[in-house]
Every structure is written in C-alpha cells, then in structure tokens.
Protein backbone atom coordinates (compact mmCIF):
# COMPACT_ATOMS: atom_id res chain seq x y z
CA UNK A 1 13.18 96.62 139.88
CA UNK A 2 14.20 99.23 137.41
CA UNK A 3 16.90 100.27 139.81
CA UNK A 4 18.18 96.71 140.05
CA UNK A 5 18.36 96.36 136.25
CA UNK A 6 20.23 99.66 135.98
CA UNK A 7 22.62 98.46 138.66
CA UNK A 8 23.25 95.19 136.79
CA UNK A 9 23.97 97.03 133.53
CA UNK A 10 26.45 99.27 135.30
CA UNK A 11 28.12 96.18 136.75
CA UNK A 12 28.54 94.55 133.32
CA UNK A 13 30.09 97.73 131.85
CA UNK A 14 32.60 97.83 134.69
CA UNK A 15 33.53 94.20 134.11
CA UNK A 16 34.03 94.85 130.37
CA UNK A 17 36.28 97.81 131.15
CA UNK A 18 38.38 95.66 133.52
CA UNK A 19 38.52 92.77 131.04
CA UNK A 20 39.62 94.93 128.11
CA UNK A 21 43.10 95.87 129.45
CA UNK A 22 43.72 92.29 130.57
CA UNK A 23 42.77 90.96 127.12
CA UNK A 24 44.97 93.60 125.46
CA UNK A 25 47.92 92.65 127.65
CA UNK A 26 47.41 88.95 126.88
CA UNK A 27 47.28 89.67 123.14
CA UNK A 28 50.51 91.73 123.26
CA UNK A 29 52.29 89.03 125.30
CA UNK A 30 51.07 86.37 122.87
CA UNK A 31 52.31 88.31 119.83
CA UNK A 32 55.70 88.87 121.48
CA UNK A 33 55.97 85.18 122.34
CA UNK A 34 55.18 84.20 118.74
CA UNK A 35 57.70 86.72 117.40
CA UNK A 36 60.38 85.40 119.77
CA UNK A 37 59.63 81.81 118.79
CA UNK A 38 59.79 82.71 115.11
CA UNK A 39 63.15 84.44 115.55
CA UNK A 40 64.51 81.46 117.51
CA UNK A 41 63.35 79.02 114.82
CA UNK A 42 64.83 81.15 112.03
CA UNK A 43 68.26 81.52 113.65
CA UNK A 44 68.54 77.88 114.74
CA UNK A 45 67.01 76.03 111.82
CA UNK A 46 67.12 78.11 108.65
CA UNK A 47 70.50 79.85 108.92
CA UNK A 48 72.42 76.67 109.76
CA UNK A 49 71.27 75.08 106.51
CA UNK A 50 72.84 77.92 104.52
CA UNK A 51 76.13 77.54 106.44
CA UNK A 52 76.08 73.74 105.99
CA UNK A 53 75.41 74.09 102.25
CA UNK A 54 78.37 76.45 101.79
CA UNK A 55 80.59 74.10 103.84
CA UNK A 56 79.52 71.16 101.67
CA UNK A 57 80.32 73.15 98.53
CA UNK A 58 83.81 73.89 99.89
CA UNK A 59 84.38 70.19 100.67
CA UNK A 60 83.18 69.18 97.22
CA UNK A 61 85.51 71.76 95.66
CA UNK A 62 88.49 70.29 97.54
CA UNK A 63 87.56 66.72 96.59
CA UNK A 64 87.18 67.77 92.96
CA UNK A 65 90.95 68.25 92.74
CA UNK A 66 91.07 72.02 92.39
CA UNK A 67 94.45 73.67 92.99
CA UNK A 68 95.42 75.84 95.94
CA UNK A 69 95.14 79.00 93.86
CA UNK A 70 91.54 78.16 92.98
CA UNK A 71 90.64 77.72 96.66
CA UNK A 72 91.92 81.18 97.59
CA UNK A 73 90.09 82.79 94.71
CA UNK A 74 86.91 80.97 95.79
CA UNK A 75 87.18 82.11 99.42
CA UNK A 76 87.94 85.73 98.55
CA UNK A 77 85.67 87.88 96.45
CA UNK A 78 87.23 88.93 93.15
CA UNK A 79 89.61 91.86 93.48
CA UNK A 80 90.38 91.29 97.18
CA UNK A 81 93.96 90.36 98.03
CA UNK A 82 95.49 88.66 101.04
CA UNK A 83 95.16 90.72 104.22
CA UNK A 84 98.08 91.14 106.65
CA UNK A 85 97.38 92.83 109.99
CA UNK A 86 100.31 94.76 111.41
CA UNK A 87 100.99 95.13 115.12
CA UNK A 88 99.73 98.41 116.61
CA UNK A 89 101.99 101.45 116.23
CA UNK A 90 102.19 104.00 119.05
CA UNK A 91 104.21 107.16 118.36
CA UNK A 92 104.51 110.69 119.68
CA UNK A 93 103.29 113.22 117.14
CA UNK A 94 105.79 115.74 115.77
CA UNK A 95 105.72 119.20 117.34
CA UNK A 96 103.71 118.09 120.37
CA UNK A 97 106.63 117.89 122.82
CA UNK A 98 105.36 114.50 123.97
CA UNK A 99 101.86 115.72 124.82
CA UNK A 100 100.11 114.09 121.86
CA UNK A 101 100.41 110.56 120.57
CA UNK A 102 99.03 108.48 117.74
CA UNK A 103 98.03 104.83 117.96
CA UNK A 104 97.40 103.10 114.64
CA UNK A 105 96.65 99.50 113.76
CA UNK A 106 96.74 98.89 110.04
CA UNK A 107 95.83 95.97 107.82
CA UNK A 108 97.61 95.81 104.48
CA UNK A 109 96.04 94.23 101.42
CA UNK A 110 98.68 92.26 99.51
CA UNK A 111 98.25 91.68 95.78
CA UNK A 112 98.66 87.89 96.01
CA UNK A 113 99.53 85.13 98.47
CA UNK A 114 103.03 84.89 96.94
CA UNK A 115 103.86 88.33 98.41
CA UNK A 116 103.37 87.13 101.99
CA UNK A 117 106.80 85.39 102.42
CA UNK A 118 108.64 88.40 100.99
CA UNK A 119 106.57 90.71 103.18
CA UNK A 120 107.45 88.73 106.31
CA UNK A 121 111.15 88.71 105.38
CA UNK A 122 111.14 92.51 105.28
CA UNK A 123 108.75 93.02 108.20
CA UNK A 124 111.34 94.77 110.42
CA UNK A 125 112.26 97.20 107.63
CA UNK A 126 108.60 97.85 106.84
CA UNK A 127 107.76 98.41 110.51
CA UNK A 128 110.67 100.85 110.90
CA UNK A 129 109.66 102.76 107.79
CA UNK A 130 106.06 103.10 108.98
CA UNK A 131 107.19 104.18 112.49
CA UNK A 132 109.40 106.91 111.03
CA UNK A 133 106.55 108.07 108.80
CA UNK A 134 104.01 108.18 111.64
CA UNK A 135 106.32 109.98 114.05
CA UNK A 136 107.00 112.66 111.44
CA UNK A 137 103.31 113.61 111.31
CA UNK A 138 101.80 116.42 113.35
CA UNK A 139 98.32 116.51 114.85
CA UNK A 140 97.06 118.68 111.99
CA UNK A 141 98.38 116.14 109.43
CA UNK A 142 96.41 113.18 110.82
CA UNK A 143 93.32 114.77 112.34
CA UNK A 144 91.38 115.42 109.12
CA UNK A 145 89.86 112.76 106.88
CA UNK A 146 92.02 113.95 103.98
CA UNK A 147 95.07 113.55 106.19
CA UNK A 148 94.12 109.95 106.95
CA UNK A 149 93.72 109.14 103.25
CA UNK A 150 97.07 110.76 102.49
CA UNK A 151 98.67 108.73 105.30
CA UNK A 152 97.22 105.50 103.87
CA UNK A 153 98.74 106.33 100.48
CA UNK A 154 102.11 107.14 102.04
CA UNK A 155 102.13 103.85 103.98
CA UNK A 156 101.30 101.91 100.81
CA UNK A 157 104.09 103.66 98.89
CA UNK A 158 106.67 103.07 101.62
CA UNK A 159 105.84 99.38 101.98
CA UNK A 160 105.93 98.81 98.22
CA UNK A 161 109.59 99.96 98.18
CA UNK A 162 110.52 96.73 99.97
CA UNK A 163 108.51 94.35 97.78
CA UNK A 164 109.66 92.87 94.46
CA UNK A 165 107.34 89.89 93.85
CA UNK A 166 104.08 91.79 94.30
CA UNK A 167 102.76 94.92 95.92
CA UNK A 168 100.45 96.29 98.58
CA UNK A 169 97.14 97.31 97.06
CA UNK A 170 95.85 99.37 99.96
CA UNK A 171 96.16 100.03 103.67
CA UNK A 172 93.17 99.91 106.01
CA UNK A 173 93.11 101.45 109.46
CA UNK A 174 91.44 99.14 111.95
CA UNK A 175 92.33 101.40 114.88
CA UNK A 176 93.20 105.09 114.78
CA UNK A 177 93.54 107.01 118.04
CA UNK A 178 94.91 110.54 118.34
CA UNK A 179 95.30 112.06 121.79
C-alpha cells in the first residue's frame, strides 16, 4: 500500500508539471487578447472623438463669420508660412564628368499666402535659377551636413530675388539623393 500511495503522489506531481505550462500559455494568450482589444477600442472609439471635436470647432469657426486670413492662421501653428513643394530636380554634379548626379525635392516656406500667386508667376525663372545653382555644386559641396545647410540658404536667397510681395522663409529638403 505504501508503494501505491507513493505512486499516486508521483502521478499528481507529474500532472501539476504538465498543467503549469498550459496554464502559463493560457494566461499569456489572455493578456495579449486583452491588450489587443484595448488597443482596438482606443483607436476606434477614443481617437475619433478628438478628430470629430476638432472638426466641429473648425465648422463653428467658419459659421462664426471669421475671415479667410483667420482660418489660415488657425490651421497653421504660429510662425509657419505657406508651404510650396517644388518638382524634383535632377542634375549632374560639377566636376564628375557625368558620373555623379544629385536629385533634390525641396519644399519652400512662403511668408504669407499672398506670395503664392507671385511665386507661381515666376516659377520658371525660380526653377531655372535653382537648376543652375544645383548643377554648379560638386560632390564635396553637397555631401556634408554643412554643405546641405549652405545649399538651403543659397536656394532661399536665389528665390527671394524674384519675389516682391513677400519672401521665402526657408527651404526644406524632402528628398536628397547623391550618387
């Protein structure tokens, strides 16, 4: 009988050892399911309310009779001008004998919305000026971070030569490939 009792105790310990990993797996799966459900609820229910509230505020602002200038200042944070994205520029770099090229896409920050019509009138002149500037640069001029900042300043200066009503605050590179 003592042997039978010892055998039963050994059997219970083996069952507990088998049950422990299964319970652990079930707990982990349950926690992951709860976390996934919580994330789903947050993205679908709580974030939409914030978007709807901001949309309602915009509608109320328009119905309140605010002017067009007020709407633009509301949509843009203070100090941010109107953004104008230029078409990509692809040029051969100077001194590379056609082996290296530069591809740049730039977005220019205009000082006010009134500059946009004047900017578009002079777009061909501005594009030509930027192309000439970019093609005059060598690999060493544009490869370093300092070179990129200098190039941004030069683009801003060149574009501002064509503008009378306002000016370009800054140039931002959205794509910059040197090969």
